[in-house]
Amino acid sequence: MTKKVVIICTSADKIGDPPEPTGCWAEEVVAPYRVWQKHGYSVTIASIKGGEVPMDEVSLAPPYATKEVEDFLLDDEAMKGLMESTPLSAISAADYDAFFLAGGHGTVVDFPNDPTLIALLEAAAAAGKVISAVCHGPEGLVNVKGPDGKPLVAGKCLTCFSDKEEYAVAKEKLVPFLLESKLRELGARYESAKDNWAPHVVADHKLVTGQNPASSAGVAKLVVEVLSS
């Protein structure tokens, strides 16, 4: 049976006060999309509000736009998923095998406290589905409870955009909290690569996470391994 994965994106296009443009980070959608497509998976792109996914313009230009991103932008069928994303309210945990939270700084605005996202991920966790995320995508996990009523991330080995990387991009004052620190407070067993920007992926049973944009494809490949096990 064909595996079904949903990529969940932010709908926020601004961050901070005064606001700065932001959105979803292109590589974090494109790399997993292509990995799962090559494995014959059915891939749906969803977002908090549905419709056009706001993309961080920085991620669409050199040096951050990979060849895969450039090709994706010219692929009308693939781009339709970003231009006409499914509203998260139309996504059911029962319909998918895996859930993936794409990053980008827009997630700090609408992922942590969105009730629809929280309810979806709690239902997915209760059903034993694979939950995955990369970079700032784990913003969507901070208020999610596991079947035991404790934070989903408590006691789990995971990674995300590190506090050091947040300071390196000088956005530490724009975000409501430092994600690594928040996950540690919730009881997560955080780990990261030794160097900023180096790829790092972690699987703890059915929770799969990646540290930064360079980890996007690695997360997707690890999801394939978990779904195949």
Protein backbone atom coordinates (compact mmCIF):
# COMPACT_ATOMS: atom_id res chain seq x y z
CA MET A 1 0.00 0.00 0.00
CA THR A 2 1.28 3.48 -0.89
CA LYS A 3 2.62 5.39 2.09
CA LYS A 4 1.09 8.80 2.66
CA VAL A 5 2.99 11.73 4.12
CA VAL A 6 1.84 15.26 4.82
CA ILE A 7 4.29 18.17 4.86
CA ILE A 8 2.98 20.87 7.21
CA CYS A 9 4.11 24.46 6.56
CA THR A 10 3.72 27.80 8.29
CA SER A 11 1.24 30.40 7.08
CA ALA A 12 3.10 33.28 8.74
CA ASP A 13 4.98 35.70 6.50
CA LYS A 14 6.23 38.20 9.10
CA ILE A 15 8.12 38.03 12.38
CA GLY A 16 9.06 40.58 15.04
CA ASP A 17 8.16 44.19 15.77
CA PRO A 18 8.77 46.03 13.55
CA PRO A 19 7.92 43.07 11.33
CA GLU A 20 10.46 41.43 9.07
CA PRO A 21 9.49 39.19 6.14
CA THR A 22 9.80 35.46 6.78
CA GLY A 23 7.98 32.26 5.92
CA CYS A 24 8.79 28.63 5.17
CA TRP A 25 12.35 27.62 4.23
CA ALA A 26 12.32 26.19 0.70
CA GLU A 27 14.91 23.41 1.07
CA GLU A 28 13.01 22.02 4.06
CA VAL A 29 9.98 21.37 1.87
CA VAL A 30 11.67 20.48 -1.39
CA ALA A 31 14.31 17.98 -0.22
CA PRO A 32 11.86 15.78 1.76
CA TYR A 33 9.24 16.08 -0.99
CA ARG A 34 11.67 14.73 -3.58
CA VAL A 35 12.94 11.91 -1.31
CA TRP A 36 9.43 10.67 -0.63
CA GLN A 37 8.37 11.14 -4.24
CA LYS A 38 11.26 8.91 -5.37
CA HIS A 39 10.07 6.25 -2.94
CA GLY A 40 6.61 6.33 -4.48
CA TYR A 41 4.93 7.97 -1.51
CA SER A 42 1.83 10.12 -1.81
CA VAL A 43 2.88 13.57 -0.56
CA THR A 44 0.44 16.29 0.48
CA ILE A 45 1.53 19.85 1.28
CA ALA A 46 -0.58 21.48 3.99
CA SER A 47 -0.32 24.73 5.92
CA ILE A 48 -1.91 26.26 8.98
CA LYS A 49 -4.37 28.37 6.95
CA GLY A 50 -4.19 26.65 3.57
CA GLY A 51 -3.65 28.37 0.25
CA GLU A 52 -0.34 29.88 -0.80
CA VAL A 53 2.53 29.01 1.53
CA PRO A 54 4.67 32.09 2.26
CA MET A 55 8.27 31.33 1.38
CA ASP A 56 11.28 33.00 2.96
CA GLU A 57 12.74 34.89 0.01
CA VAL A 58 16.27 34.28 1.31
CA SER A 59 15.75 30.55 0.83
CA LEU A 60 14.81 31.05 -2.83
CA ALA A 61 18.05 32.75 -3.86
CA PRO A 62 21.77 31.87 -3.88
CA PRO A 63 23.57 30.63 -1.93
CA TYR A 64 20.66 28.95 -0.13
CA ALA A 65 18.57 27.84 -3.10
CA THR A 66 19.80 24.34 -3.97
CA LYS A 67 19.55 22.86 -7.47
CA GLU A 68 16.55 20.87 -6.17
CA VAL A 69 14.85 24.09 -5.09
CA GLU A 70 15.49 25.70 -8.47
CA ASP A 71 14.05 22.67 -10.27
CA PHE A 72 11.07 22.57 -7.92
CA LEU A 73 10.23 26.19 -8.72
CA LEU A 74 9.96 25.21 -12.39
CA ASP A 75 7.82 22.13 -11.68
CA ASP A 76 4.21 23.28 -12.09
CA GLU A 77 2.72 20.19 -10.48
CA ALA A 78 4.95 20.38 -7.42
CA MET A 79 4.51 24.15 -7.11
CA LYS A 80 0.74 23.74 -7.15
CA GLY A 81 1.09 22.08 -3.75
CA LEU A 82 2.75 25.22 -2.38
CA MET A 83 0.41 27.64 -4.12
CA GLU A 84 -2.75 25.76 -3.16
CA SER A 85 -1.77 24.00 0.07
CA THR A 86 -4.40 22.02 1.96
CA PRO A 87 -5.74 23.77 5.09
CA LEU A 88 -4.58 21.95 8.19
CA SER A 89 -8.22 21.70 9.32
CA ALA A 90 -8.82 19.32 6.38
CA ILE A 91 -6.04 16.92 7.45
CA SER A 92 -6.95 13.84 9.52
CA ALA A 93 -4.42 11.83 11.51
CA ALA A 94 -6.08 8.62 10.32
CA ASP A 95 -5.34 9.37 6.67
CA TYR A 96 -1.54 9.57 6.82
CA ASP A 97 1.37 7.37 7.83
CA ALA A 98 3.75 10.21 8.67
CA PHE A 99 3.60 13.90 9.51
CA PHE A 100 6.44 16.30 8.76
CA LEU A 101 6.85 19.81 10.14
CA ALA A 102 8.88 21.97 7.75
CA GLY A 103 10.80 24.86 9.25
CA GLY A 104 11.48 28.48 8.52
CA HIS A 105 11.13 31.32 11.01
CA GLY A 106 7.44 31.72 10.20
CA THR A 107 6.83 28.65 12.35
CA VAL A 108 7.70 30.56 15.53
CA VAL A 109 4.59 32.66 14.92
CA ASP A 110 1.90 30.07 14.24
CA PHE A 111 3.12 26.56 15.09
CA PRO A 112 3.46 26.47 18.91
CA ASN A 113 -0.07 27.49 19.90
CA ASP A 114 -2.19 26.45 16.93
CA PRO A 115 -4.98 24.25 18.38
CA THR A 116 -5.57 22.39 15.11
CA LEU A 117 -1.90 21.45 14.80
CA ILE A 118 -1.67 20.41 18.44
CA ALA A 119 -4.79 18.24 18.17
CA LEU A 120 -3.58 16.66 14.91
CA LEU A 121 -0.18 15.74 16.31
CA GLU A 122 -1.64 14.41 19.54
CA ALA A 123 -4.00 12.21 17.52
CA ALA A 124 -1.09 11.07 15.35
CA ALA A 125 1.00 10.22 18.41
CA ALA A 126 -1.87 8.32 20.02
CA ALA A 127 -2.27 6.31 16.80
CA GLY A 128 1.43 5.46 16.66
CA LYS A 129 2.10 7.44 13.49
CA VAL A 130 5.54 8.80 12.57
CA ILE A 131 6.03 12.44 13.52
CA SER A 132 9.00 14.28 12.03
CA ALA A 133 10.34 17.81 11.84
CA VAL A 134 13.37 19.80 10.78
CA CYS A 135 15.07 23.02 11.90
CA HIS A 136 12.31 25.27 13.36
CA GLY A 137 9.63 22.68 12.58
CA PRO A 138 9.79 21.34 16.17
CA GLU A 139 8.15 24.63 17.20
CA GLY A 140 5.00 22.62 16.50
CA LEU A 141 5.89 20.08 19.19
CA VAL A 142 6.32 22.32 22.22
CA ASN A 143 2.69 22.14 23.39
CA VAL A 144 1.91 18.63 22.16
CA LYS A 145 1.20 15.98 24.78
CA GLY A 146 1.93 12.31 24.33
CA PRO A 147 -0.58 9.53 25.10
CA ASP A 148 0.70 9.56 28.70
CA GLY A 149 -0.30 13.21 29.16
CA LYS A 150 3.31 14.36 29.41
CA PRO A 151 5.04 16.56 26.81
CA LEU A 152 5.53 14.48 23.68
CA VAL A 153 9.23 15.38 23.62
CA ALA A 154 9.89 14.48 27.28
CA GLY A 155 12.61 11.86 27.49
CA LYS A 156 12.99 11.72 23.69
CA CYS A 157 16.26 12.10 21.83
CA LEU A 158 15.83 14.86 19.27
CA THR A 159 17.37 17.86 17.58
CA CYS A 160 16.32 21.20 16.10
CA PHE A 161 17.84 24.54 15.07
CA SER A 162 20.37 25.07 17.84
CA ASP A 163 20.58 28.09 20.09
CA LYS A 164 24.09 28.69 18.70
CA GLU A 165 22.69 28.76 15.16
CA GLU A 166 19.92 31.16 16.23
CA TYR A 167 22.52 33.57 17.56
CA ALA A 168 24.61 33.07 14.42
CA VAL A 169 21.74 34.33 12.23
CA ALA A 170 21.07 37.17 14.72
CA LYS A 171 17.41 36.32 15.23
CA GLU A 172 17.60 35.43 18.90
CA LYS A 173 15.66 38.60 19.82
CA LEU A 174 13.01 38.07 17.15
CA VAL A 175 11.90 34.63 18.30
CA PRO A 176 9.57 34.25 21.33
CA PHE A 177 11.90 31.64 22.80
CA LEU A 178 15.05 29.74 21.86
CA LEU A 179 13.81 26.40 20.55
CA GLU A 180 16.66 24.22 21.80
CA SER A 181 16.31 25.69 25.30
CA LYS A 182 12.53 25.25 25.26
CA LEU A 183 12.75 21.59 24.24
CA ARG A 184 15.32 20.96 26.96
CA GLU A 185 12.98 22.56 29.51
CA LEU A 186 10.28 20.14 28.39
CA GLY A 187 12.55 17.21 29.17
CA ALA A 188 13.88 16.44 25.69
CA ARG A 189 17.31 14.84 25.36
CA TYR A 190 18.69 17.34 22.89
CA GLU A 191 21.68 16.67 20.67
CA SER A 192 23.31 18.53 17.80
CA ALA A 193 26.19 18.48 15.37
CA LYS A 194 29.50 19.80 16.64
CA ASP A 195 29.57 22.58 14.04
CA ASN A 196 26.84 25.03 13.06
CA TRP A 197 25.07 24.17 9.78
CA ALA A 198 26.37 20.59 9.70
CA PRO A 199 23.62 18.03 9.01
CA HIS A 200 22.37 16.07 12.00
CA VAL A 201 19.34 13.78 12.21
CA VAL A 202 17.90 11.76 15.08
CA ALA A 203 15.28 9.02 15.30
CA ASP A 204 13.76 8.06 18.64
CA HIS A 205 11.23 5.36 17.80
CA LYS A 206 8.64 7.23 15.71
CA LEU A 207 9.91 10.76 16.37
CA VAL A 208 12.37 11.85 13.68
CA THR A 209 14.06 15.26 13.75
CA GLY A 210 16.74 17.23 11.89
CA GLN A 211 18.81 20.18 13.05
CA ASN A 212 18.91 22.60 10.13
CA PRO A 213 18.21 22.97 6.39
CA ALA A 214 21.14 20.70 5.52
CA SER A 215 19.42 17.95 7.50
CA SER A 216 16.21 18.00 5.45
CA ALA A 217 16.92 15.12 3.10
CA GLY A 218 18.42 13.10 5.95
CA VAL A 219 15.22 13.42 7.97
CA ALA A 220 13.16 12.26 5.01
CA LYS A 221 15.40 9.23 4.44
CA LEU A 222 15.20 8.35 8.14
CA VAL A 223 11.39 8.58 7.98
CA VAL A 224 11.51 6.06 5.11
CA GLU A 225 13.60 3.73 7.28
CA VAL A 226 11.21 4.03 10.22
CA LEU A 227 8.15 3.45 8.03
CA SER A 228 9.85 0.39 6.52
CA SER A 229 10.83 -1.16 9.84
